[in-house]
Amino acid sequence: MVQGRIGFYLEMLDRRGQQPPIQDRTAEIEAEIAEIEARLEENGNPDLLSSFMARIGQNLWEKAQRLGIEHSAWPIRLDLRRLTVVADTRNGAVPLHGMGSGENYVGYHVATFLTLHEWFATEDRPVPRILIMDQPSQVWFPSDYAGDGSHVLPDDDREALVRTYQVVMETIARPDVDLQVIVMEHADLEEQWFSDAVRYRWRADGEALIPADWIEED
């Protein structure tokens, strides 16, 4: 076995010897890295970043208030270090995982994604102008809900769901925000503005997300 390994090693050395010599570009690459790092330092002005994050936090807070979710009475910010939403309350910072209900969890996610996409659009950042959400109403419906209209929401829950879609509509209606939001949803609100935004009703029209002719029966 040892002899076989030695033979394999010698064979590999021989093959390497037959290959063209590799040009040593270490110095060149190190110079390129130094140049890139210098650019990052120039663009990494901490005051500029703080200013940007303050504006993003203000927008996030405004959306949280429109949604009526908990802790929105306090300043809301996006913590880049921990990648989470934080409310700065009288008793200290409260991160998203400490904010309680599923309604808060979904609400802050919706507010954060809309806020970031607004920022990317208004600042002309190279981020695709599309946001896809899958059933943001799920926190108000039972897990086995089939979307057949059999579950009637209490008034407070329905109002919270309406506010969620109002905030979405307000965001995409901004003239300086070129953003498309696609939502896959079981809930079907009666409001006319909601109905006008619906493109397909898979229960009534048979226009499911996965076309029937894609499914092959055994």
N, C-alpha and C. Protein backbone atom coordinates (compact mmCIF):
# COMPACT_ATOMS: atom_id res chain seq x y z
N MET A 1 0.83 -1.20 0.00
CA MET A 1 0.00 0.00 0.00
C MET A 1 0.87 1.26 0.00
N VAL A 2 1.94 1.24 0.87
CA VAL A 2 2.83 2.40 0.93
C VAL A 2 3.51 2.61 -0.41
N GLN A 3 3.95 1.50 -1.03
CA GLN A 3 4.61 1.60 -2.33
C GLN A 3 3.67 2.20 -3.36
N GLY A 4 2.38 1.81 -3.28
CA GLY A 4 1.40 2.37 -4.23
C GLY A 4 1.23 3.86 -4.04
N ARG A 5 1.20 4.31 -2.79
CA ARG A 5 1.07 5.74 -2.53
C ARG A 5 2.27 6.51 -3.04
N ILE A 6 3.47 5.94 -2.82
CA ILE A 6 4.69 6.60 -3.30
C ILE A 6 4.67 6.69 -4.81
N GLY A 7 4.23 5.60 -5.46
CA GLY A 7 4.16 5.60 -6.92
C GLY A 7 3.20 6.65 -7.43
N PHE A 8 2.04 6.76 -6.76
CA PHE A 8 1.05 7.76 -7.16
C PHE A 8 1.60 9.17 -7.00
N TYR A 9 2.32 9.42 -5.90
CA TYR A 9 2.90 10.73 -5.63
C TYR A 9 3.94 11.09 -6.70
N LEU A 10 4.80 10.11 -7.05
CA LEU A 10 5.82 10.36 -8.08
C LEU A 10 5.17 10.61 -9.43
N GLU A 11 4.09 9.90 -9.71
CA GLU A 11 3.39 10.10 -10.98
C GLU A 11 2.80 11.50 -11.05
N MET A 12 2.25 11.98 -9.93
CA MET A 12 1.69 13.33 -9.91
C MET A 12 2.77 14.38 -10.09
N LEU A 13 3.93 14.16 -9.48
CA LEU A 13 5.04 15.09 -9.67
C LEU A 13 5.46 15.14 -11.13
N ASP A 14 5.46 13.99 -11.76
CA ASP A 14 5.84 13.93 -13.17
C ASP A 14 4.85 14.68 -14.03
N ARG A 15 3.55 14.52 -13.71
CA ARG A 15 2.53 15.23 -14.49
C ARG A 15 2.66 16.73 -14.32
N ARG A 16 2.93 17.17 -13.10
CA ARG A 16 3.09 18.60 -12.86
C ARG A 16 4.28 19.15 -13.62
N GLY A 17 5.31 18.34 -13.72
CA GLY A 17 6.49 18.77 -14.45
C GLY A 17 6.23 18.95 -15.92
N GLN A 18 5.23 18.24 -16.45
CA GLN A 18 4.91 18.35 -17.87
C GLN A 18 4.01 19.54 -18.18
N GLN A 19 3.39 20.15 -17.14
CA GLN A 19 2.49 21.28 -17.36
C GLN A 19 3.28 22.57 -17.53
N PRO A 20 2.68 23.54 -18.22
CA PRO A 20 3.36 24.84 -18.38
C PRO A 20 3.61 25.47 -17.02
N PRO A 21 4.69 26.17 -16.85
CA PRO A 21 4.99 26.82 -15.57
C PRO A 21 3.92 27.85 -15.22
N ILE A 22 3.56 27.92 -13.93
CA ILE A 22 2.54 28.86 -13.47
C ILE A 22 3.20 30.19 -13.13
N GLN A 23 2.65 31.24 -13.71
CA GLN A 23 3.19 32.57 -13.47
C GLN A 23 2.84 33.03 -12.07
N ASP A 24 3.82 33.51 -11.36
CA ASP A 24 3.61 34.00 -10.00
C ASP A 24 3.04 35.42 -10.06
N ARG A 25 1.73 35.55 -9.74
CA ARG A 25 1.07 36.86 -9.79
C ARG A 25 0.76 37.37 -8.39
N THR A 26 1.48 36.84 -7.42
CA THR A 26 1.19 37.20 -6.03
C THR A 26 1.26 38.71 -5.80
N ALA A 27 2.33 39.32 -6.26
CA ALA A 27 2.52 40.76 -6.05
C ALA A 27 1.42 41.56 -6.74
N GLU A 28 1.06 41.14 -7.94
CA GLU A 28 0.02 41.84 -8.69
C GLU A 28 -1.33 41.75 -7.98
N ILE A 29 -1.66 40.55 -7.50
CA ILE A 29 -2.94 40.35 -6.82
C ILE A 29 -2.98 41.11 -5.50
N GLU A 30 -1.87 41.11 -4.78
CA GLU A 30 -1.82 41.85 -3.52
C GLU A 30 -2.03 43.34 -3.75
N ALA A 31 -1.50 43.85 -4.85
CA ALA A 31 -1.69 45.27 -5.18
C ALA A 31 -3.16 45.56 -5.49
N GLU A 32 -3.81 44.64 -6.20
CA GLU A 32 -5.23 44.81 -6.51
C GLU A 32 -6.07 44.79 -5.23
N ILE A 33 -5.74 43.88 -4.32
CA ILE A 33 -6.46 43.81 -3.06
C ILE A 33 -6.31 45.10 -2.26
N ALA A 34 -5.10 45.63 -2.23
CA ALA A 34 -4.85 46.88 -1.51
C ALA A 34 -5.66 48.03 -2.10
N GLU A 35 -5.77 48.05 -3.43
CA GLU A 35 -6.54 49.11 -4.09
C GLU A 35 -8.02 49.00 -3.75
N ILE A 36 -8.54 47.77 -3.76
CA ILE A 36 -9.96 47.57 -3.43
C ILE A 36 -10.23 47.96 -1.98
N GLU A 37 -9.34 47.58 -1.08
CA GLU A 37 -9.52 47.94 0.33
C GLU A 37 -9.51 49.45 0.52
N ALA A 38 -8.66 50.14 -0.24
CA ALA A 38 -8.62 51.60 -0.14
C ALA A 38 -9.94 52.21 -0.60
N ARG A 39 -10.52 51.65 -1.66
CA ARG A 39 -11.81 52.15 -2.13
C ARG A 39 -12.90 51.93 -1.09
N LEU A 40 -12.88 50.76 -0.47
CA LEU A 40 -13.88 50.45 0.55
C LEU A 40 -13.76 51.41 1.73
N GLU A 41 -12.54 51.75 2.10
CA GLU A 41 -12.35 52.68 3.20
C GLU A 41 -12.89 54.06 2.85
N GLU A 42 -12.71 54.47 1.59
CA GLU A 42 -13.21 55.77 1.16
C GLU A 42 -14.74 55.80 1.20
N ASN A 43 -15.36 54.67 0.76
CA ASN A 43 -16.81 54.61 0.70
C ASN A 43 -17.43 54.18 2.02
N GLY A 44 -16.61 53.80 2.97
CA GLY A 44 -17.12 53.28 4.23
C GLY A 44 -17.18 54.33 5.33
N ASN A 45 -17.50 55.55 4.98
CA ASN A 45 -17.62 56.63 5.94
C ASN A 45 -18.66 56.27 7.01
N PRO A 46 -18.25 56.12 8.26
CA PRO A 46 -19.21 55.71 9.29
C PRO A 46 -20.34 56.72 9.49
N ASP A 47 -20.05 58.01 9.31
CA ASP A 47 -21.10 59.02 9.45
C ASP A 47 -22.14 58.87 8.35
N LEU A 48 -21.66 58.55 7.14
CA LEU A 48 -22.58 58.37 6.02
C LEU A 48 -23.48 57.16 6.26
N LEU A 49 -22.89 56.06 6.73
CA LEU A 49 -23.67 54.87 7.02
C LEU A 49 -24.69 55.14 8.12
N SER A 50 -24.29 55.87 9.15
CA SER A 50 -25.21 56.20 10.23
C SER A 50 -26.38 57.03 9.72
N SER A 51 -26.08 57.96 8.81
CA SER A 51 -27.13 58.79 8.23
C SER A 51 -28.11 57.94 7.44
N PHE A 52 -27.58 57.04 6.62
CA PHE A 52 -28.44 56.15 5.83
C PHE A 52 -29.33 55.31 6.74
N MET A 53 -28.73 54.72 7.77
CA MET A 53 -29.49 53.83 8.65
C MET A 53 -30.54 54.59 9.45
N ALA A 54 -30.26 55.85 9.77
CA ALA A 54 -31.26 56.67 10.47
C ALA A 54 -32.48 56.90 9.58
N ARG A 55 -32.23 57.17 8.31
CA ARG A 55 -33.34 57.38 7.38
C ARG A 55 -34.14 56.11 7.16
N ILE A 56 -33.42 54.99 7.04
CA ILE A 56 -34.10 53.70 6.88
C ILE A 56 -34.92 53.38 8.13
N GLY A 57 -34.35 53.65 9.31
CA GLY A 57 -35.06 53.41 10.55
C GLY A 57 -36.32 54.25 10.67
N GLN A 58 -36.25 55.50 10.22
CA GLN A 58 -37.42 56.38 10.27
C GLN A 58 -38.54 55.83 9.40
N ASN A 59 -38.20 55.38 8.20
CA ASN A 59 -39.19 54.81 7.28
C ASN A 59 -39.76 53.52 7.85
N LEU A 60 -38.89 52.71 8.43
CA LEU A 60 -39.34 51.45 9.04
C LEU A 60 -40.31 51.72 10.19
N TRP A 61 -39.99 52.71 11.01
CA TRP A 61 -40.86 53.08 12.12
C TRP A 61 -42.23 53.56 11.63
N GLU A 62 -42.24 54.37 10.56
CA GLU A 62 -43.50 54.87 10.02
C GLU A 62 -44.38 53.73 9.51
N LYS A 63 -43.77 52.75 8.86
CA LYS A 63 -44.54 51.61 8.38
C LYS A 63 -45.06 50.76 9.55
N ALA A 64 -44.23 50.59 10.56
CA ALA A 64 -44.66 49.83 11.73
C ALA A 64 -45.86 50.50 12.40
N GLN A 65 -45.85 51.82 12.45
CA GLN A 65 -46.99 52.54 13.02
C GLN A 65 -48.24 52.37 12.16
N ARG A 66 -48.08 52.43 10.85
CA ARG A 66 -49.22 52.23 9.95
C ARG A 66 -49.80 50.83 10.13
N LEU A 67 -48.94 49.86 10.38
CA LEU A 67 -49.40 48.48 10.57
C LEU A 67 -50.04 48.29 11.95
N GLY A 68 -49.73 49.17 12.87
CA GLY A 68 -50.30 49.07 14.21
C GLY A 68 -49.75 47.93 15.03
N ILE A 69 -48.49 47.54 14.76
CA ILE A 69 -47.90 46.43 15.49
C ILE A 69 -47.24 46.91 16.78
N GLU A 70 -47.01 45.98 17.68
CA GLU A 70 -46.48 46.32 19.00
C GLU A 70 -45.08 46.93 18.92
N HIS A 71 -44.77 47.75 19.90
CA HIS A 71 -43.48 48.44 20.04
C HIS A 71 -43.28 49.55 19.01
N SER A 72 -44.27 49.80 18.15
CA SER A 72 -44.09 50.84 17.14
C SER A 72 -44.21 52.24 17.71
N ALA A 73 -44.57 52.34 18.99
CA ALA A 73 -44.58 53.66 19.64
C ALA A 73 -43.16 54.13 19.94
N TRP A 74 -42.20 53.20 19.86
CA TRP A 74 -40.80 53.51 20.14
C TRP A 74 -40.00 53.59 18.85
N PRO A 75 -38.84 54.24 18.89
CA PRO A 75 -37.98 54.26 17.70
C PRO A 75 -37.63 52.83 17.26
N ILE A 76 -37.71 52.60 15.97
CA ILE A 76 -37.41 51.29 15.39
C ILE A 76 -36.19 51.42 14.50
N ARG A 77 -35.31 50.45 14.57
CA ARG A 77 -34.12 50.50 13.72
C ARG A 77 -33.76 49.10 13.24
N LEU A 78 -32.97 49.09 12.18
CA LEU A 78 -32.44 47.84 11.63
C LEU A 78 -31.01 47.69 12.12
N ASP A 79 -30.76 46.64 12.88
CA ASP A 79 -29.44 46.39 13.45
C ASP A 79 -28.62 45.58 12.45
N LEU A 80 -27.65 46.23 11.81
CA LEU A 80 -26.85 45.55 10.79
C LEU A 80 -25.94 44.48 11.38
N ARG A 81 -25.48 44.71 12.58
CA ARG A 81 -24.55 43.74 13.18
C ARG A 81 -25.25 42.42 13.47
N ARG A 82 -26.46 42.50 14.00
CA ARG A 82 -27.20 41.28 14.33
C ARG A 82 -28.24 40.91 13.28
N LEU A 83 -28.38 41.76 12.25
CA LEU A 83 -29.33 41.54 11.17
C LEU A 83 -30.74 41.27 11.73
N THR A 84 -31.23 42.19 12.50
CA THR A 84 -32.57 42.07 13.05
C THR A 84 -33.16 43.46 13.27
N VAL A 85 -34.45 43.50 13.50
CA VAL A 85 -35.14 44.74 13.83
C VAL A 85 -35.11 44.92 15.34
N VAL A 86 -34.91 46.16 15.78
CA VAL A 86 -34.82 46.45 17.21
C VAL A 86 -35.70 47.65 17.54
N ALA A 87 -36.43 47.54 18.64
CA ALA A 87 -37.20 48.67 19.17
C ALA A 87 -36.46 49.20 20.40
N ASP A 88 -36.18 50.49 20.40
CA ASP A 88 -35.47 51.11 21.53
C ASP A 88 -36.50 51.65 22.52
N THR A 89 -36.88 50.81 23.47
CA THR A 89 -37.93 51.17 24.43
C THR A 89 -37.33 51.82 25.68
N ARG A 90 -38.21 52.25 26.57
CA ARG A 90 -37.77 52.86 27.82
C ARG A 90 -36.94 51.87 28.65
N ASN A 91 -37.25 50.60 28.52
CA ASN A 91 -36.55 49.57 29.30
C ASN A 91 -35.36 48.95 28.57
N GLY A 92 -35.00 49.54 27.44
CA GLY A 92 -33.87 49.01 26.69
C GLY A 92 -34.26 48.49 25.32
N ALA A 93 -33.27 47.97 24.61
CA ALA A 93 -33.49 47.48 23.25
C ALA A 93 -34.24 46.15 23.27
N VAL A 94 -35.26 46.05 22.41
CA VAL A 94 -36.03 44.81 22.27
C VAL A 94 -35.87 44.31 20.85
N PRO A 95 -35.15 43.20 20.62
CA PRO A 95 -34.99 42.66 19.28
C PRO A 95 -36.26 41.96 18.82
N LEU A 96 -36.32 41.66 17.54
CA LEU A 96 -37.53 41.09 16.95
C LEU A 96 -37.98 39.82 17.66
N HIS A 97 -37.03 38.96 18.02
CA HIS A 97 -37.42 37.68 18.64
C HIS A 97 -38.04 37.88 20.02
N GLY A 98 -37.93 39.08 20.58
CA GLY A 98 -38.54 39.34 21.87
C GLY A 98 -39.82 40.14 21.79
N MET A 99 -40.34 40.31 20.58
CA MET A 99 -41.52 41.16 20.40
C MET A 99 -42.84 40.39 20.46
N GLY A 100 -42.78 39.10 20.67
CA GLY A 100 -44.02 38.39 20.94
C GLY A 100 -44.69 37.76 19.74
N SER A 101 -45.88 38.22 19.41
CA SER A 101 -46.82 37.50 18.56
C SER A 101 -46.36 37.33 17.12
N GLY A 102 -47.03 36.37 16.44
CA GLY A 102 -46.78 36.14 15.03
C GLY A 102 -47.15 37.35 14.19
N GLU A 103 -48.17 38.09 14.63
CA GLU A 103 -48.56 39.31 13.91
C GLU A 103 -47.41 40.31 13.90
N ASN A 104 -46.73 40.47 15.03
CA ASN A 104 -45.58 41.36 15.08
C ASN A 104 -44.47 40.85 14.17
N TYR A 105 -44.23 39.55 14.21
CA TYR A 105 -43.15 38.95 13.42
C TYR A 105 -43.38 39.19 11.93
N VAL A 106 -44.59 38.91 11.45
CA VAL A 106 -44.90 39.13 10.04
C VAL A 106 -44.89 40.62 9.72
N GLY A 107 -45.49 41.42 10.59
CA GLY A 107 -45.57 42.85 10.34
C GLY A 107 -44.22 43.51 10.19
N TYR A 108 -43.29 43.18 11.08
CA TYR A 108 -41.96 43.79 10.99
C TYR A 108 -41.19 43.28 9.78
N HIS A 109 -41.42 42.04 9.38
CA HIS A 109 -40.78 41.55 8.16
C HIS A 109 -41.31 42.29 6.94
N VAL A 110 -42.63 42.44 6.85
CA VAL A 110 -43.22 43.17 5.73
C VAL A 110 -42.70 44.61 5.71
N ALA A 111 -42.71 45.27 6.85
CA ALA A 111 -42.24 46.65 6.93
C ALA A 111 -40.77 46.77 6.54
N THR A 112 -39.95 45.81 6.97
CA THR A 112 -38.52 45.86 6.67
C THR A 112 -38.25 45.66 5.19
N PHE A 113 -38.88 44.65 4.59
CA PHE A 113 -38.65 44.39 3.17
C PHE A 113 -39.12 45.55 2.31
N LEU A 114 -40.28 46.11 2.63
CA LEU A 114 -40.77 47.25 1.86
C LEU A 114 -39.86 48.46 2.03
N THR A 115 -39.39 48.70 3.25
CA THR A 115 -38.50 49.82 3.51
C THR A 115 -37.20 49.68 2.74
N LEU A 116 -36.60 48.50 2.77
CA LEU A 116 -35.34 48.29 2.06
C LEU A 116 -35.52 48.44 0.55
N HIS A 117 -36.61 47.91 0.02
CA HIS A 117 -36.83 48.04 -1.42
C HIS A 117 -37.09 49.49 -1.81
N GLU A 118 -37.76 50.24 -0.96
CA GLU A 118 -37.92 51.67 -1.20
C GLU A 118 -36.55 52.35 -1.26
N TRP A 119 -35.70 51.99 -0.34
CA TRP A 119 -34.37 52.59 -0.29
C TRP A 119 -33.58 52.24 -1.56
N PHE A 120 -33.58 50.97 -1.93
CA PHE A 120 -32.84 50.55 -3.12
C PHE A 120 -33.35 51.28 -4.36
N ALA A 121 -34.65 51.47 -4.45
CA ALA A 121 -35.24 52.11 -5.62
C ALA A 121 -34.92 53.60 -5.66
N THR A 122 -35.13 54.30 -4.55
CA THR A 122 -34.91 55.74 -4.54
C THR A 122 -33.44 56.10 -4.65
N GLU A 123 -32.55 55.22 -4.18
CA GLU A 123 -31.11 55.46 -4.28
C GLU A 123 -30.50 54.82 -5.52
N ASP A 124 -31.36 54.23 -6.37
CA ASP A 124 -30.92 53.63 -7.63
C ASP A 124 -29.83 52.58 -7.40
N ARG A 125 -30.06 51.70 -6.47
CA ARG A 125 -29.12 50.61 -6.18
C ARG A 125 -29.41 49.42 -7.10
N PRO A 126 -28.38 48.64 -7.44
CA PRO A 126 -28.54 47.52 -8.38
C PRO A 126 -29.18 46.29 -7.73
N VAL A 127 -30.41 46.45 -7.25
CA VAL A 127 -31.16 45.36 -6.64
C VAL A 127 -32.43 45.15 -7.47
N PRO A 128 -32.78 43.92 -7.83
CA PRO A 128 -34.00 43.68 -8.61
C PRO A 128 -35.22 44.30 -7.94
N ARG A 129 -36.04 44.98 -8.72
CA ARG A 129 -37.20 45.70 -8.18
C ARG A 129 -38.41 44.77 -8.08
N ILE A 130 -38.26 43.70 -7.37
CA ILE A 130 -39.36 42.74 -7.21
C ILE A 130 -39.30 42.14 -5.81
N LEU A 131 -40.47 42.00 -5.20
CA LEU A 131 -40.59 41.40 -3.87
C LEU A 131 -41.72 40.38 -3.93
N ILE A 132 -41.44 39.15 -3.51
CA ILE A 132 -42.44 38.08 -3.52
C ILE A 132 -42.74 37.68 -2.08
N MET A 133 -44.01 37.69 -1.73
CA MET A 133 -44.44 37.29 -0.39
C MET A 133 -45.44 36.15 -0.49
N ASP A 134 -45.32 35.20 0.42
CA ASP A 134 -46.20 34.04 0.44
C ASP A 134 -47.12 34.10 1.65
N GLN A 135 -48.37 34.44 1.40
CA GLN A 135 -49.44 34.43 2.39
C GLN A 135 -49.10 35.15 3.69
N PRO A 136 -48.94 36.45 3.64
CA PRO A 136 -48.71 37.19 4.89
C PRO A 136 -49.88 37.10 5.87
N SER A 137 -51.03 36.63 5.40
CA SER A 137 -52.20 36.50 6.28
C SER A 137 -52.15 35.24 7.13
N GLN A 138 -51.11 34.42 6.99
CA GLN A 138 -51.10 33.10 7.64
C GLN A 138 -51.23 33.19 9.16
N VAL A 139 -50.78 34.28 9.77
CA VAL A 139 -50.85 34.36 11.24
C VAL A 139 -52.28 34.54 11.74
N TRP A 140 -53.21 34.89 10.86
CA TRP A 140 -54.60 35.08 11.28
C TRP A 140 -55.50 33.91 10.90
N PHE A 141 -54.94 32.90 10.22
CA PHE A 141 -55.73 31.76 9.79
C PHE A 141 -55.18 30.47 10.40
N PRO A 142 -56.03 29.46 10.60
CA PRO A 142 -55.53 28.17 11.10
C PRO A 142 -54.59 27.53 10.09
N SER A 143 -53.67 26.69 10.58
CA SER A 143 -52.64 26.11 9.72
C SER A 143 -53.22 25.23 8.62
N ASP A 144 -54.43 24.66 8.85
CA ASP A 144 -55.03 23.77 7.85
C ASP A 144 -56.07 24.48 6.99
N TYR A 145 -56.06 25.81 7.01
CA TYR A 145 -57.05 26.56 6.23
C TYR A 145 -56.86 26.31 4.75
N ALA A 146 -57.95 25.97 4.07
CA ALA A 146 -57.88 25.60 2.65
C ALA A 146 -58.16 26.76 1.72
N GLY A 147 -58.46 27.94 2.26
CA GLY A 147 -58.71 29.09 1.42
C GLY A 147 -60.07 29.06 0.75
N ASP A 148 -61.04 28.37 1.36
CA ASP A 148 -62.36 28.22 0.77
C ASP A 148 -63.39 29.19 1.34
N GLY A 149 -62.93 30.15 2.13
CA GLY A 149 -63.84 31.13 2.71
C GLY A 149 -64.57 30.66 3.94
N SER A 150 -64.20 29.49 4.46
CA SER A 150 -64.90 28.92 5.61
C SER A 150 -64.48 29.56 6.93
N HIS A 151 -63.37 30.26 6.93
CA HIS A 151 -62.87 30.87 8.18
C HIS A 151 -63.11 32.37 8.13
N VAL A 152 -63.89 32.87 9.09
CA VAL A 152 -64.20 34.30 9.16
C VAL A 152 -63.32 34.94 10.21
N LEU A 153 -62.60 35.97 9.81
CA LEU A 153 -61.69 36.64 10.74
C LEU A 153 -62.45 37.55 11.70
N PRO A 154 -62.04 37.60 12.96
CA PRO A 154 -62.57 38.62 13.87
C PRO A 154 -62.24 40.01 13.31
N ASP A 155 -63.00 41.00 13.71
CA ASP A 155 -62.84 42.34 13.16
C ASP A 155 -61.42 42.88 13.33
N ASP A 156 -60.84 42.68 14.52
CA ASP A 156 -59.50 43.21 14.77
C ASP A 156 -58.47 42.56 13.84
N ASP A 157 -58.58 41.25 13.64
CA ASP A 157 -57.64 40.55 12.77
C ASP A 157 -57.82 40.99 11.32
N ARG A 158 -59.08 41.16 10.92
CA ARG A 158 -59.32 41.59 9.54
C ARG A 158 -58.76 42.99 9.30
N GLU A 159 -58.94 43.87 10.27
CA GLU A 159 -58.40 45.22 10.14
C GLU A 159 -56.87 45.19 10.05
N ALA A 160 -56.24 44.30 10.80
CA ALA A 160 -54.78 44.18 10.74
C ALA A 160 -54.34 43.70 9.36
N LEU A 161 -55.08 42.75 8.79
CA LEU A 161 -54.74 42.25 7.45
C LEU A 161 -54.95 43.34 6.40
N VAL A 162 -56.04 44.09 6.52
CA VAL A 162 -56.29 45.20 5.59
C VAL A 162 -55.15 46.22 5.67
N ARG A 163 -54.71 46.54 6.87
CA ARG A 163 -53.61 47.50 7.02
C ARG A 163 -52.34 46.98 6.35
N THR A 164 -52.10 45.69 6.45
CA THR A 164 -50.91 45.12 5.82
C THR A 164 -50.91 45.39 4.32
N TYR A 165 -52.04 45.13 3.68
CA TYR A 165 -52.10 45.34 2.23
C TYR A 165 -52.19 46.82 1.87
N GLN A 166 -52.73 47.63 2.74
CA GLN A 166 -52.72 49.07 2.49
C GLN A 166 -51.29 49.60 2.46
N VAL A 167 -50.46 49.13 3.38
CA VAL A 167 -49.06 49.56 3.41
C VAL A 167 -48.34 49.10 2.15
N VAL A 168 -48.62 47.89 1.69
CA VAL A 168 -48.02 47.40 0.44
C VAL A 168 -48.44 48.30 -0.72
N MET A 169 -49.74 48.60 -0.81
CA MET A 169 -50.25 49.42 -1.91
C MET A 169 -49.68 50.83 -1.86
N GLU A 170 -49.56 51.39 -0.67
CA GLU A 170 -49.00 52.74 -0.53
C GLU A 170 -47.55 52.78 -1.00
N THR A 171 -46.82 51.71 -0.73
CA THR A 171 -45.41 51.67 -1.12
C THR A 171 -45.25 51.63 -2.63
N ILE A 172 -45.98 50.74 -3.29
CA ILE A 172 -45.80 50.60 -4.74
C ILE A 172 -46.45 51.76 -5.49
N ALA A 173 -47.30 52.54 -4.82
CA ALA A 173 -47.94 53.69 -5.47
C ALA A 173 -47.02 54.90 -5.51
N ARG A 174 -45.93 54.88 -4.75
CA ARG A 174 -45.02 56.02 -4.76
C ARG A 174 -44.42 56.20 -6.15
N PRO A 175 -44.44 57.40 -6.70
CA PRO A 175 -43.92 57.62 -8.05
C PRO A 175 -42.42 57.39 -8.18
N ASP A 176 -41.69 57.50 -7.06
CA ASP A 176 -40.24 57.33 -7.12
C ASP A 176 -39.81 55.91 -6.75
N VAL A 177 -40.77 55.00 -6.59
CA VAL A 177 -40.45 53.62 -6.24
C VAL A 177 -40.97 52.70 -7.33
N ASP A 178 -40.07 52.24 -8.17
CA ASP A 178 -40.42 51.32 -9.25
C ASP A 178 -40.29 49.89 -8.72
N LEU A 179 -41.35 49.40 -8.10
CA LEU A 179 -41.29 48.11 -7.41
C LEU A 179 -42.52 47.29 -7.74
N GLN A 180 -42.30 46.02 -8.04
CA GLN A 180 -43.39 45.08 -8.24
C GLN A 180 -43.44 44.13 -7.05
N VAL A 181 -44.61 44.02 -6.43
CA VAL A 181 -44.81 43.11 -5.31
C VAL A 181 -45.78 42.02 -5.75
N ILE A 182 -45.35 40.78 -5.67
CA ILE A 182 -46.19 39.63 -6.00
C ILE A 182 -46.52 38.89 -4.71
N VAL A 183 -47.81 38.71 -4.45
CA VAL A 183 -48.24 38.04 -3.22
C VAL A 183 -49.07 36.82 -3.58
N MET A 184 -48.71 35.68 -3.01
CA MET A 184 -49.51 34.46 -3.13
C MET A 184 -50.33 34.34 -1.86
N GLU A 185 -51.65 34.37 -1.99
CA GLU A 185 -52.49 34.58 -0.82
C GLU A 185 -53.76 33.74 -0.87
N HIS A 186 -54.18 33.22 0.30
CA HIS A 186 -55.47 32.54 0.43
C HIS A 186 -56.57 33.54 0.76
N ALA A 187 -56.26 34.51 1.57
CA ALA A 187 -57.27 35.50 1.94
C ALA A 187 -57.68 36.32 0.73
N ASP A 188 -58.97 36.66 0.66
CA ASP A 188 -59.49 37.44 -0.47
C ASP A 188 -60.36 38.55 0.10
N LEU A 189 -59.77 39.71 0.27
CA LEU A 189 -60.48 40.83 0.89
C LEU A 189 -61.55 41.39 -0.05
N GLU A 190 -62.57 41.98 0.54
CA GLU A 190 -63.68 42.51 -0.24
C GLU A 190 -63.42 43.92 -0.75
N GLU A 191 -62.43 44.60 -0.22
CA GLU A 191 -62.16 45.97 -0.63
C GLU A 191 -61.89 46.03 -2.14
N GLN A 192 -62.42 47.06 -2.79
CA GLN A 192 -62.30 47.15 -4.24
C GLN A 192 -60.85 47.30 -4.68
N TRP A 193 -60.06 48.07 -3.95
CA TRP A 193 -58.66 48.26 -4.32
C TRP A 193 -57.89 46.95 -4.26
N PHE A 194 -58.31 46.06 -3.34
CA PHE A 194 -57.66 44.75 -3.26
C PHE A 194 -58.07 43.90 -4.46
N SER A 195 -59.36 43.88 -4.77
CA SER A 195 -59.85 43.10 -5.91
C SER A 195 -59.22 43.57 -7.21
N ASP A 196 -59.03 44.88 -7.36
CA ASP A 196 -58.42 45.41 -8.58
C ASP A 196 -56.98 44.94 -8.75
N ALA A 197 -56.32 44.64 -7.64
CA ALA A 197 -54.92 44.23 -7.70
C ALA A 197 -54.75 42.73 -7.91
N VAL A 198 -55.83 41.96 -7.77
CA VAL A 198 -55.75 40.50 -7.94
C VAL A 198 -55.65 40.16 -9.42
N ARG A 199 -54.67 39.36 -9.77
CA ARG A 199 -54.49 38.96 -11.16
C ARG A 199 -55.08 37.58 -11.45
N TYR A 200 -54.96 36.67 -10.51
CA TYR A 200 -55.50 35.33 -10.69
C TYR A 200 -56.13 34.84 -9.40
N ARG A 201 -57.29 34.24 -9.52
CA ARG A 201 -57.93 33.57 -8.38
C ARG A 201 -57.93 32.08 -8.69
N TRP A 202 -57.00 31.39 -8.08
CA TRP A 202 -56.79 29.99 -8.45
C TRP A 202 -57.97 29.10 -8.10
N ARG A 203 -58.76 29.47 -7.09
CA ARG A 203 -59.91 28.64 -6.74
C ARG A 203 -61.02 28.78 -7.78
N ALA A 204 -61.22 30.01 -8.27
CA ALA A 204 -62.32 30.25 -9.21
C ALA A 204 -61.91 30.05 -10.66
N ASP A 205 -60.70 30.49 -10.99
CA ASP A 205 -60.27 30.47 -12.39
C ASP A 205 -59.46 29.24 -12.76
N GLY A 206 -59.05 28.47 -11.76
CA GLY A 206 -58.20 27.32 -12.06
C GLY A 206 -56.79 27.70 -12.44
N GLU A 207 -56.42 28.97 -12.22
CA GLU A 207 -55.08 29.45 -12.56
C GLU A 207 -54.16 29.28 -11.36
N ALA A 208 -53.77 28.06 -11.09
CA ALA A 208 -52.92 27.79 -9.94
C ALA A 208 -51.49 28.22 -10.20
N LEU A 209 -50.72 28.34 -9.13
CA LEU A 209 -49.31 28.71 -9.26
C LEU A 209 -48.57 27.68 -10.10
N ILE A 210 -48.88 26.40 -9.89
CA ILE A 210 -48.32 25.32 -10.72
C ILE A 210 -49.41 24.87 -11.68
N PRO A 211 -49.27 25.11 -12.99
CA PRO A 211 -50.31 24.73 -13.95
C PRO A 211 -50.62 23.24 -13.89
N ALA A 212 -51.88 22.91 -14.13
CA ALA A 212 -52.30 21.51 -14.05
C ALA A 212 -51.56 20.63 -15.04
N ASP A 213 -51.22 21.18 -16.22
CA ASP A 213 -50.55 20.34 -17.22
C ASP A 213 -49.09 20.08 -16.88
N TRP A 214 -48.59 20.69 -15.81
CA TRP A 214 -47.24 20.37 -15.36
C TRP A 214 -47.22 19.11 -14.49
N ILE A 215 -48.39 18.76 -13.98
CA ILE A 215 -48.48 17.63 -13.05
C ILE A 215 -48.79 16.37 -13.84
N GLU A 216 -47.93 15.40 -13.71
CA GLU A 216 -48.11 14.13 -14.41
C GLU A 216 -48.58 13.08 -13.41
N GLU A 217 -49.68 12.43 -13.73
CA GLU A 217 -50.18 11.37 -12.87
C GLU A 217 -49.50 10.05 -13.22
N ASP A 218 -49.18 9.28 -12.19
CA ASP A 218 -48.56 7.97 -12.41
C ASP A 218 -49.57 7.00 -13.00
